[in-house]
Amino acid sequence: MVINAIDPTQSGWLGFLLFYSTFSIALFGSLSLLGIAIRFWAKQETLPVRITLKAFRQSLLLTTLFVISLILFSQGWFRWWTMLLVLFIVGFVELMFVSNERTLEHKNYPNQT
């Protein structure tokens, strides 16, 4: 109801907050379920907990990317260089998580290369 009834560019801060929080929750849930389903289908030998955590993390990052893009667009600040900066920040965060995973795996199993 919030997504259909509230225009975030015309309403006050409460409508703005309700629209983007509802959109974020819906997008996060949808992307999480899609990511989990694809990973379960593709990687059947991996632990379900690891698949779920990775899907949640990447869903959160993609949701953040989409919501920031929409906020920048609604405020008139959406430019190619701002989007490039947002993509760089989100990519850097994902790279930190992937790097940390590999470091933890190497500490747990030091004899493997």
N, C-alpha and C. Protein backbone atom coordinates (compact mmCIF):
# COMPACT_ATOMS: atom_id res chain seq x y z
N MET A 1 0.82 -1.18 0.00
CA MET A 1 0.00 0.00 0.00
C MET A 1 0.87 1.26 0.00
N VAL A 2 1.96 1.22 0.77
CA VAL A 2 2.85 2.37 0.84
C VAL A 2 3.50 2.65 -0.50
N ILE A 3 3.92 1.59 -1.18
CA ILE A 3 4.61 1.76 -2.46
C ILE A 3 3.66 2.34 -3.51
N ASN A 4 2.40 1.93 -3.50
CA ASN A 4 1.45 2.44 -4.48
C ASN A 4 0.87 3.80 -4.12
N ALA A 5 0.78 4.12 -2.84
CA ALA A 5 0.06 5.32 -2.42
C ALA A 5 0.96 6.53 -2.17
N ILE A 6 2.25 6.32 -1.95
CA ILE A 6 3.12 7.43 -1.55
C ILE A 6 4.11 7.74 -2.66
N ASP A 7 4.15 9.00 -3.05
CA ASP A 7 5.15 9.48 -4.00
C ASP A 7 6.29 10.10 -3.18
N PRO A 8 7.49 9.48 -3.18
CA PRO A 8 8.55 9.98 -2.31
C PRO A 8 9.06 11.36 -2.70
N THR A 9 8.81 11.79 -3.93
CA THR A 9 9.28 13.11 -4.33
C THR A 9 8.34 14.22 -3.90
N GLN A 10 7.07 13.90 -3.61
CA GLN A 10 6.07 14.91 -3.25
C GLN A 10 5.71 14.92 -1.77
N SER A 11 5.97 13.85 -1.06
CA SER A 11 5.57 13.77 0.35
C SER A 11 6.68 14.31 1.24
N GLY A 12 6.38 14.44 2.51
CA GLY A 12 7.35 14.92 3.48
C GLY A 12 8.34 13.85 3.86
N TRP A 13 9.05 14.10 4.92
CA TRP A 13 10.11 13.17 5.34
C TRP A 13 9.52 11.84 5.80
N LEU A 14 8.30 11.84 6.39
CA LEU A 14 7.70 10.59 6.84
C LEU A 14 7.33 9.70 5.64
N GLY A 15 6.75 10.28 4.61
CA GLY A 15 6.44 9.51 3.41
C GLY A 15 7.70 9.01 2.73
N PHE A 16 8.72 9.86 2.71
CA PHE A 16 10.02 9.48 2.15
C PHE A 16 10.58 8.28 2.91
N LEU A 17 10.55 8.35 4.23
CA LEU A 17 11.07 7.27 5.07
C LEU A 17 10.25 5.99 4.91
N LEU A 18 8.94 6.10 4.91
CA LEU A 18 8.08 4.92 4.76
C LEU A 18 8.25 4.27 3.39
N PHE A 19 8.32 5.07 2.36
CA PHE A 19 8.47 4.51 1.01
C PHE A 19 9.78 3.74 0.88
N TYR A 20 10.89 4.36 1.26
CA TYR A 20 12.17 3.71 1.07
C TYR A 20 12.41 2.55 2.03
N SER A 21 11.86 2.61 3.24
CA SER A 21 12.02 1.47 4.14
C SER A 21 11.19 0.27 3.65
N THR A 22 9.98 0.52 3.19
CA THR A 22 9.16 -0.57 2.64
C THR A 22 9.79 -1.16 1.39
N PHE A 23 10.26 -0.30 0.52
CA PHE A 23 10.92 -0.76 -0.70
C PHE A 23 12.17 -1.58 -0.36
N SER A 24 12.95 -1.11 0.61
CA SER A 24 14.18 -1.82 1.00
C SER A 24 13.88 -3.21 1.54
N ILE A 25 12.89 -3.30 2.41
CA ILE A 25 12.54 -4.60 2.99
C ILE A 25 12.06 -5.57 1.92
N ALA A 26 11.20 -5.08 1.03
CA ALA A 26 10.67 -5.94 -0.03
C ALA A 26 11.77 -6.40 -0.98
N LEU A 27 12.65 -5.48 -1.37
CA LEU A 27 13.73 -5.82 -2.29
C LEU A 27 14.73 -6.77 -1.64
N PHE A 28 15.06 -6.52 -0.37
CA PHE A 28 15.99 -7.39 0.34
C PHE A 28 15.45 -8.81 0.44
N GLY A 29 14.18 -8.95 0.80
CA GLY A 29 13.58 -10.27 0.90
C GLY A 29 13.54 -10.99 -0.43
N SER A 30 13.17 -10.28 -1.49
CA SER A 30 13.10 -10.89 -2.81
C SER A 30 14.47 -11.33 -3.31
N LEU A 31 15.45 -10.45 -3.18
CA LEU A 31 16.80 -10.80 -3.63
C LEU A 31 17.41 -11.92 -2.80
N SER A 32 17.11 -11.95 -1.50
CA SER A 32 17.62 -13.02 -0.64
C SER A 32 17.06 -14.37 -1.06
N LEU A 33 15.75 -14.42 -1.25
CA LEU A 33 15.14 -15.69 -1.66
C LEU A 33 15.65 -16.15 -3.02
N LEU A 34 15.79 -15.22 -3.95
CA LEU A 34 16.31 -15.56 -5.27
C LEU A 34 17.75 -16.06 -5.18
N GLY A 35 18.57 -15.38 -4.39
CA GLY A 35 19.97 -15.79 -4.23
C GLY A 35 20.11 -17.14 -3.56
N ILE A 36 19.30 -17.39 -2.55
CA ILE A 36 19.34 -18.69 -1.87
C ILE A 36 18.91 -19.80 -2.82
N ALA A 37 17.84 -19.58 -3.56
CA ALA A 37 17.34 -20.61 -4.48
C ALA A 37 18.36 -20.93 -5.56
N ILE A 38 18.98 -19.91 -6.13
CA ILE A 38 19.98 -20.15 -7.18
C ILE A 38 21.19 -20.86 -6.63
N ARG A 39 21.64 -20.47 -5.44
CA ARG A 39 22.83 -21.11 -4.86
C ARG A 39 22.55 -22.56 -4.44
N PHE A 40 21.37 -22.82 -3.90
CA PHE A 40 21.04 -24.21 -3.56
C PHE A 40 20.99 -25.08 -4.80
N TRP A 41 20.50 -24.54 -5.89
CA TRP A 41 20.41 -25.30 -7.12
C TRP A 41 21.80 -25.52 -7.72
N ALA A 42 22.67 -24.51 -7.66
CA ALA A 42 23.98 -24.60 -8.31
C ALA A 42 25.04 -25.30 -7.45
N LYS A 43 25.03 -25.04 -6.15
CA LYS A 43 26.07 -25.58 -5.27
C LYS A 43 25.43 -26.47 -4.21
N GLN A 44 25.16 -27.67 -4.57
CA GLN A 44 24.45 -28.56 -3.67
C GLN A 44 25.35 -29.15 -2.60
N GLU A 45 26.66 -29.09 -2.77
CA GLU A 45 27.57 -29.67 -1.79
C GLU A 45 28.00 -28.68 -0.71
N THR A 46 27.65 -27.41 -0.84
CA THR A 46 28.02 -26.39 0.13
C THR A 46 27.03 -26.39 1.29
N LEU A 47 27.54 -26.02 2.47
CA LEU A 47 26.67 -25.96 3.65
C LEU A 47 25.58 -24.91 3.48
N PRO A 48 24.35 -25.23 3.87
CA PRO A 48 23.25 -24.27 3.71
C PRO A 48 23.45 -22.96 4.47
N VAL A 49 24.13 -23.02 5.61
CA VAL A 49 24.36 -21.80 6.38
C VAL A 49 25.26 -20.84 5.60
N ARG A 50 26.28 -21.35 4.98
CA ARG A 50 27.18 -20.49 4.19
C ARG A 50 26.47 -19.90 2.98
N ILE A 51 25.65 -20.71 2.34
CA ILE A 51 24.89 -20.22 1.19
C ILE A 51 23.95 -19.10 1.61
N THR A 52 23.27 -19.30 2.72
CA THR A 52 22.31 -18.31 3.20
C THR A 52 23.00 -17.02 3.61
N LEU A 53 24.09 -17.11 4.33
CA LEU A 53 24.81 -15.91 4.76
C LEU A 53 25.34 -15.11 3.57
N LYS A 54 25.88 -15.82 2.59
CA LYS A 54 26.38 -15.13 1.41
C LYS A 54 25.25 -14.47 0.63
N ALA A 55 24.12 -15.16 0.51
CA ALA A 55 22.97 -14.58 -0.19
C ALA A 55 22.44 -13.36 0.55
N PHE A 56 22.37 -13.42 1.88
CA PHE A 56 21.91 -12.27 2.66
C PHE A 56 22.85 -11.08 2.50
N ARG A 57 24.14 -11.34 2.57
CA ARG A 57 25.12 -10.26 2.45
C ARG A 57 25.03 -9.58 1.09
N GLN A 58 24.98 -10.37 0.04
CA GLN A 58 24.92 -9.79 -1.29
C GLN A 58 23.58 -9.13 -1.56
N SER A 59 22.51 -9.65 -0.99
CA SER A 59 21.20 -9.01 -1.12
C SER A 59 21.18 -7.66 -0.42
N LEU A 60 21.81 -7.60 0.73
CA LEU A 60 21.88 -6.33 1.46
C LEU A 60 22.69 -5.29 0.67
N LEU A 61 23.78 -5.71 0.07
CA LEU A 61 24.60 -4.79 -0.72
C LEU A 61 23.86 -4.32 -1.97
N LEU A 62 23.18 -5.24 -2.65
CA LEU A 62 22.42 -4.84 -3.85
C LEU A 62 21.23 -3.94 -3.49
N THR A 63 20.56 -4.24 -2.38
CA THR A 63 19.47 -3.38 -1.93
C THR A 63 19.98 -1.99 -1.60
N THR A 64 21.12 -1.91 -0.93
CA THR A 64 21.72 -0.62 -0.62
C THR A 64 22.05 0.13 -1.90
N LEU A 65 22.59 -0.56 -2.88
CA LEU A 65 22.92 0.08 -4.16
C LEU A 65 21.68 0.63 -4.84
N PHE A 66 20.61 -0.16 -4.90
CA PHE A 66 19.38 0.29 -5.55
C PHE A 66 18.72 1.45 -4.82
N VAL A 67 18.66 1.37 -3.49
CA VAL A 67 18.00 2.42 -2.72
C VAL A 67 18.80 3.72 -2.79
N ILE A 68 20.11 3.64 -2.70
CA ILE A 68 20.93 4.86 -2.83
C ILE A 68 20.76 5.46 -4.22
N SER A 69 20.69 4.61 -5.24
CA SER A 69 20.47 5.11 -6.60
C SER A 69 19.13 5.84 -6.71
N LEU A 70 18.09 5.26 -6.14
CA LEU A 70 16.77 5.90 -6.19
C LEU A 70 16.74 7.20 -5.40
N ILE A 71 17.38 7.23 -4.25
CA ILE A 71 17.43 8.46 -3.46
C ILE A 71 18.19 9.54 -4.21
N LEU A 72 19.33 9.19 -4.79
CA LEU A 72 20.09 10.17 -5.58
C LEU A 72 19.27 10.67 -6.76
N PHE A 73 18.54 9.78 -7.41
CA PHE A 73 17.72 10.17 -8.55
C PHE A 73 16.58 11.09 -8.14
N SER A 74 15.93 10.78 -7.00
CA SER A 74 14.80 11.60 -6.56
C SER A 74 15.25 12.99 -6.09
N GLN A 75 16.48 13.11 -5.64
CA GLN A 75 16.99 14.40 -5.19
C GLN A 75 17.68 15.19 -6.31
N GLY A 76 17.81 14.58 -7.48
CA GLY A 76 18.44 15.25 -8.61
C GLY A 76 19.96 15.20 -8.60
N TRP A 77 20.51 14.29 -7.81
CA TRP A 77 21.97 14.17 -7.69
C TRP A 77 22.51 12.96 -8.43
N PHE A 78 21.70 12.30 -9.21
CA PHE A 78 22.12 11.09 -9.91
C PHE A 78 22.93 11.48 -11.14
N ARG A 79 24.21 11.23 -11.09
CA ARG A 79 25.13 11.48 -12.19
C ARG A 79 25.96 10.21 -12.39
N TRP A 80 26.64 10.12 -13.51
CA TRP A 80 27.42 8.92 -13.78
C TRP A 80 28.55 8.78 -12.77
N TRP A 81 29.14 9.87 -12.34
CA TRP A 81 30.27 9.78 -11.41
C TRP A 81 29.81 9.47 -9.99
N THR A 82 28.59 9.92 -9.59
CA THR A 82 28.10 9.54 -8.26
C THR A 82 27.74 8.05 -8.24
N MET A 83 27.19 7.58 -9.34
CA MET A 83 26.86 6.15 -9.41
C MET A 83 28.13 5.31 -9.43
N LEU A 84 29.14 5.78 -10.11
CA LEU A 84 30.42 5.08 -10.13
C LEU A 84 31.04 5.03 -8.73
N LEU A 85 30.91 6.12 -8.00
CA LEU A 85 31.41 6.15 -6.63
C LEU A 85 30.65 5.18 -5.73
N VAL A 86 29.34 5.13 -5.86
CA VAL A 86 28.53 4.19 -5.07
C VAL A 86 28.89 2.75 -5.45
N LEU A 87 29.02 2.47 -6.73
CA LEU A 87 29.43 1.12 -7.16
C LEU A 87 30.80 0.75 -6.62
N PHE A 88 31.72 1.70 -6.60
CA PHE A 88 33.06 1.45 -6.08
C PHE A 88 33.00 1.12 -4.59
N ILE A 89 32.20 1.85 -3.83
CA ILE A 89 32.09 1.61 -2.39
C ILE A 89 31.46 0.25 -2.11
N VAL A 90 30.37 -0.07 -2.80
CA VAL A 90 29.71 -1.36 -2.61
C VAL A 90 30.64 -2.50 -3.04
N GLY A 91 31.34 -2.34 -4.14
CA GLY A 91 32.30 -3.35 -4.58
C GLY A 91 33.44 -3.54 -3.60
N PHE A 92 33.90 -2.44 -3.01
CA PHE A 92 34.97 -2.53 -2.02
C PHE A 92 34.51 -3.27 -0.77
N VAL A 93 33.29 -3.02 -0.33
CA VAL A 93 32.74 -3.73 0.84
C VAL A 93 32.65 -5.23 0.54
N GLU A 94 32.15 -5.58 -0.64
CA GLU A 94 32.07 -7.00 -1.01
C GLU A 94 33.46 -7.63 -1.09
N LEU A 95 34.41 -6.89 -1.63
CA LEU A 95 35.78 -7.39 -1.71
C LEU A 95 36.38 -7.62 -0.32
N MET A 96 36.05 -6.76 0.63
CA MET A 96 36.53 -6.95 2.01
C MET A 96 35.95 -8.23 2.60
N PHE A 97 34.66 -8.50 2.36
CA PHE A 97 34.06 -9.72 2.87
C PHE A 97 34.67 -10.96 2.23
N VAL A 98 34.87 -10.94 0.93
CA VAL A 98 35.45 -12.09 0.23
C VAL A 98 36.89 -12.32 0.70
N SER A 99 37.63 -11.25 0.87
CA SER A 99 39.01 -11.36 1.34
C SER A 99 39.06 -11.92 2.76
N ASN A 100 38.14 -11.49 3.59
CA ASN A 100 38.08 -11.99 4.96
C ASN A 100 37.71 -13.47 4.98
N GLU A 101 36.83 -13.90 4.11
CA GLU A 101 36.46 -15.32 4.03
C GLU A 101 37.67 -16.17 3.66
N ARG A 102 38.42 -15.72 2.68
CA ARG A 102 39.59 -16.49 2.24
C ARG A 102 40.67 -16.52 3.32
N THR A 103 40.82 -15.42 4.06
CA THR A 103 41.79 -15.38 5.15
C THR A 103 41.40 -16.35 6.24
N LEU A 104 40.11 -16.40 6.59
CA LEU A 104 39.65 -17.32 7.62
C LEU A 104 39.79 -18.77 7.17
N GLU A 105 39.52 -19.07 5.90
CA GLU A 105 39.68 -20.43 5.40
C GLU A 105 41.14 -20.84 5.43
N HIS A 106 42.04 -19.91 5.12
CA HIS A 106 43.46 -20.23 5.12
C HIS A 106 43.97 -20.44 6.55
N LYS A 107 43.45 -19.71 7.51
CA LYS A 107 43.85 -19.91 8.90
C LYS A 107 43.36 -21.25 9.44
N ASN A 108 42.17 -21.66 9.01
CA ASN A 108 41.61 -22.93 9.47
C ASN A 108 42.31 -24.13 8.85
N TYR A 109 42.76 -23.99 7.61
CA TYR A 109 43.41 -25.08 6.89
C TYR A 109 44.73 -24.57 6.29
N PRO A 110 45.78 -24.43 7.12
CA PRO A 110 47.02 -23.81 6.63
C PRO A 110 47.79 -24.62 5.61
N ASN A 111 47.59 -25.92 5.52
CA ASN A 111 48.38 -26.73 4.60
C ASN A 111 47.83 -26.74 3.19
N GLN A 112 46.63 -26.19 2.98
CA GLN A 112 46.06 -26.14 1.65
C GLN A 112 46.48 -24.86 0.95
N THR A 113 46.61 -24.92 -0.36
CA THR A 113 46.97 -23.73 -1.13
C THR A 113 45.84 -23.35 -2.03
